[in-house]
Protein backbone atom coordinates (compact mmCIF):
# COMPACT_ATOMS: atom_id res chain seq x y z
CA MET A 1 69.35 86.99 52.65
CA SER A 2 71.31 90.21 52.67
CA ASP A 3 74.64 91.38 54.01
CA ASP A 4 76.18 94.56 55.29
CA VAL A 5 79.30 96.41 54.23
CA GLY A 6 81.34 98.87 56.29
CA PHE A 7 82.91 102.12 55.17
CA PRO A 8 85.82 103.58 57.18
CA VAL A 9 85.34 107.07 58.55
CA LEU A 10 88.30 107.27 60.97
CA ARG A 11 91.68 105.65 61.50
CA THR A 12 93.44 106.61 64.71
CA GLY A 13 95.89 105.44 67.33
CA ASP A 14 93.63 106.80 70.09
CA PRO A 15 90.99 104.27 71.24
CA ALA A 16 89.10 106.91 73.23
CA CYS A 17 88.81 109.07 70.10
CA ALA A 18 87.47 106.09 68.16
CA LEU A 19 84.85 105.42 70.83
CA ARG A 20 83.73 109.05 70.94
CA LEU A 21 83.17 109.12 67.20
CA ALA A 22 81.43 105.76 67.22
CA ARG A 23 78.98 107.04 69.82
CA ARG A 24 78.21 110.10 67.68
CA LEU A 25 77.52 107.81 64.73
CA VAL A 26 75.33 105.51 66.81
CA ALA A 27 73.29 108.55 67.86
CA VAL A 28 72.48 109.26 64.20
CA GLY A 29 70.22 106.21 64.22
CA ASP A 30 67.17 105.31 66.27
CA THR A 31 68.71 103.43 69.20
CA ARG A 32 65.54 102.08 70.83
CA HIS A 33 66.33 98.56 69.59
CA ALA A 34 70.11 98.88 69.56
CA GLU A 35 72.37 96.15 70.95
CA VAL A 36 76.11 95.82 71.43
CA LEU A 37 78.36 92.85 70.71
CA VAL A 38 82.09 92.45 71.26
CA ASP A 39 84.86 90.06 70.18
CA ILE A 40 88.44 90.07 71.40
CA ASP A 41 91.49 87.82 71.19
CA LEU A 42 93.08 87.56 74.64
CA PRO A 43 96.77 86.58 74.52
CA GLY A 44 97.58 86.49 78.24
CA VAL A 45 96.28 84.93 81.43
CA GLU A 46 95.78 88.30 83.11
CA ASP A 47 93.77 89.48 80.10
CA VAL A 48 91.52 86.44 80.35
CA LEU A 49 90.99 86.82 84.08
CA ARG A 50 90.20 90.51 83.73
CA ALA A 51 87.67 89.81 80.98
CA ARG A 52 86.08 87.03 83.00
CA SER A 53 85.72 89.28 86.03
CA LEU A 54 83.94 91.89 83.91
CA TRP A 55 81.73 89.53 81.89
CA PRO A 56 81.34 86.07 83.47
CA GLN A 57 78.45 85.45 81.05
CA ALA A 58 80.70 85.82 77.96
CA TRP A 59 81.82 82.88 75.84
CA PHE A 60 85.51 81.95 75.71
CA THR A 61 86.89 79.66 73.01
CA TRP A 62 90.32 78.22 72.20
CA GLU A 63 90.44 78.41 68.42
CA GLY A 64 93.90 76.86 68.23
CA GLY A 65 92.96 73.85 70.32
CA PRO A 66 93.57 70.24 69.26
CA ILE A 67 90.82 68.30 67.55
CA VAL A 68 90.74 64.70 68.71
CA TRP A 69 88.91 61.80 67.11
CA GLU A 70 87.93 59.01 69.48
CA ARG A 71 85.85 56.03 68.35
CA GLY A 72 84.68 57.99 65.35
CA ASP A 73 83.52 60.99 67.38
CA LEU A 74 84.96 64.46 67.63
CA VAL A 75 86.18 65.05 71.18
CA ASP A 76 86.96 68.40 72.77
CA PRO A 77 89.31 67.43 75.59
CA THR A 78 89.48 70.94 77.07
CA GLY A 79 85.90 72.08 76.62
CA LEU A 80 87.34 75.30 75.23
CA ILE A 81 87.09 74.46 71.54
CA GLY A 82 83.31 74.40 71.77
CA GLY A 83 83.41 77.34 74.16
CA VAL A 84 82.61 77.83 77.83
CA ARG A 85 81.11 80.63 79.85
CA GLY A 86 83.54 82.85 81.71
CA ALA A 87 82.17 81.65 85.01
CA ASP A 88 83.22 78.10 84.05
CA LEU A 89 86.80 78.92 83.06
CA PRO A 90 89.54 77.38 85.20
CA SER A 91 91.11 79.81 87.66
CA ASP A 92 94.48 78.06 87.63
CA HIS A 93 97.04 80.21 85.81
CA GLY A 94 98.95 77.16 84.62
CA ARG A 95 95.95 75.56 82.95
CA LEU A 96 94.89 78.80 81.32
CA SER A 97 98.38 79.50 79.99
CA GLU A 98 98.30 76.19 78.08
CA HIS A 99 95.21 77.29 76.15
CA LEU A 100 96.05 80.74 74.84
CA PRO A 101 95.06 82.84 73.07
CA LEU A 102 91.37 82.69 73.96
CA ARG A 103 88.68 84.53 72.05
CA MET A 104 85.93 86.14 74.09
CA GLU A 105 82.54 86.88 72.55
CA LEU A 106 79.63 88.70 74.15
CA TRP A 107 76.37 89.40 72.32
CA GLU A 108 73.10 91.27 72.73
CA GLN A 109 74.22 93.71 75.41
CA PRO A 110 72.26 96.88 76.22
CA LEU A 111 73.53 100.12 74.76
CA GLY A 112 75.99 101.77 77.13
CA SER A 113 76.54 98.69 79.30
CA VAL A 114 79.94 97.43 78.14
CA GLU A 115 81.62 99.97 75.89
CA ASP A 116 83.93 101.84 78.27
CA ASP A 117 85.24 98.74 80.04
CA PHE A 118 85.68 96.95 76.74
CA VAL A 119 87.69 99.73 75.13
CA ALA A 120 90.01 99.83 78.14
CA LEU A 121 90.61 96.09 77.73
CA ALA A 122 90.70 95.99 73.93
CA ALA A 123 93.03 98.89 73.13
CA PRO A 124 96.27 96.83 72.89
CA HIS A 125 94.64 93.74 71.36
CA VAL A 126 92.82 92.56 68.23
CA ALA A 127 89.13 93.18 68.88
CA GLN A 128 85.89 94.70 67.68
CA LEU A 129 83.10 96.66 69.33
CA HIS A 130 79.90 96.56 67.31
CA TRP A 131 76.51 98.28 67.54
CA TRP A 132 73.59 97.05 65.47
CA ASN A 133 69.80 97.55 65.02
CA LEU A 134 70.37 101.29 64.83
CA ASP A 135 67.68 102.21 62.28
CA TRP A 136 69.18 104.65 59.79
CA PRO A 137 66.41 107.12 58.95
CA GLU A 138 64.82 107.86 55.61
CA VAL A 139 66.48 110.69 53.67
CA PRO A 140 64.02 111.42 50.84
CA GLU A 141 66.11 114.13 49.20
CA LEU A 142 68.88 111.55 48.66
CA GLY A 143 66.57 108.70 47.72
CA LEU A 144 67.46 106.76 50.89
CA HIS A 145 64.84 104.54 52.51
CA PRO A 146 64.79 103.63 56.22
CA GLU A 147 67.24 100.86 57.14
CA ARG A 148 67.31 98.75 60.31
CA LYS A 149 68.86 95.38 59.54
CA HIS A 150 72.15 96.78 58.29
CA ALA A 151 72.32 100.01 60.30
CA GLU A 152 75.50 99.32 62.26
CA VAL A 153 78.70 100.90 63.58
CA THR A 154 81.97 99.13 64.41
CA VAL A 155 85.25 100.02 66.05
CA LEU A 156 88.01 97.65 64.92
CA PHE A 157 90.99 97.52 67.26
CA ASN A 158 94.34 96.69 65.65
CA THR A 159 92.82 94.79 62.73
CA PRO A 160 91.61 95.79 59.24
CA THR A 161 88.41 93.70 59.03
CA PRO A 162 85.71 92.26 61.32
CA ALA A 163 87.14 88.78 60.72
CA LEU A 164 89.90 89.63 63.26
CA GLU A 165 92.36 87.54 61.26
CA GLU A 166 95.22 90.02 60.92
CA ARG A 167 96.93 92.43 63.29
CA VAL A 168 97.52 95.97 62.04
CA ASP A 169 98.23 98.59 64.71
CA GLY A 170 95.64 101.35 64.98
CA HIS A 171 91.88 101.54 65.27
CA THR A 172 89.25 101.98 62.55
CA VAL A 173 85.65 103.18 62.83
CA LEU A 174 83.22 101.78 60.25
CA VAL A 175 79.72 102.85 59.24
CA HIS A 176 77.72 99.87 57.95
CA VAL A 177 75.03 99.91 55.29
CA ARG A 178 73.21 97.30 53.23
CA ASP A 179 75.51 95.62 50.69
CA THR A 180 73.94 95.97 47.24
CA SER A 181 75.01 96.07 43.62
CA ASN A 182 74.38 99.83 43.67
CA LYS A 183 77.75 101.07 44.90
CA GLU A 184 76.75 104.70 44.54
CA SER A 185 73.73 104.19 46.80
CA MET A 186 75.82 102.42 49.46
CA LEU A 187 78.35 105.23 49.50
CA ARG A 188 75.60 107.86 49.57
CA ARG A 189 74.07 106.30 52.70
CA ALA A 190 77.41 105.83 54.48
CA SER A 191 78.47 109.38 53.60
CA TRP A 192 75.22 110.82 54.91
CA VAL A 193 75.57 109.01 58.25
CA ALA A 194 79.20 110.09 58.53
CA GLU A 195 78.36 113.72 57.78
CA GLN A 196 75.81 113.82 60.62
CA ALA A 197 78.71 113.04 62.98
CA GLY A 198 81.05 115.57 61.39
CA VAL A 199 83.27 113.17 59.43
CA THR A 200 83.51 111.73 55.91
CA VAL A 201 84.08 108.34 54.34
CA ILE A 202 87.85 107.89 53.95
CA GLY A 203 88.14 104.56 52.15
CA GLY A 204 86.53 101.78 50.20
CA PRO A 205 84.11 99.13 51.48
CA VAL A 206 85.25 96.67 54.15
CA ARG A 207 83.67 93.22 54.34
CA GLY A 208 84.09 90.64 57.08
């Protein structure tokens, strides 16, 4: 087992600027196997309906929903605690408004298929846009070996970590590398990736 760690390379109030930089960073890697995943907390009915119209295949969950025990079994009276596909969400505004906020998750999307629409939706909310399987290349002169599993880029919207547990206005772009005990090596890799996109590491490691 191994984990990744992210290093911030940009903090900005401009979501379009964050996306442009993230795309430059993604292009540093080999994107043949790249995939995109997104998470967003949707506080309003109109937000939910817009997200559902864009991605009916996404999962929507009600993380603040009640947990009910009935005859010794855990019961999900809304279906939303376990999660439902967007296509199966109720259309009634009243029912949806009783189960907010909803978190939407969408995984394993092709590169370039969701990013622009997602940023337009995510900009005012707590969310993340994440690219993975990017294949950072070998850099022999820096002692860096090829890396696929933890070659990733994230844009965090209005939150400081990928856990999405806290709201902090502004957007952060992270370069991810393999989390090891060799802090100098982690920073060397993140700095090299950042430099290829014309930026530098601006802070310490961020973990989810």
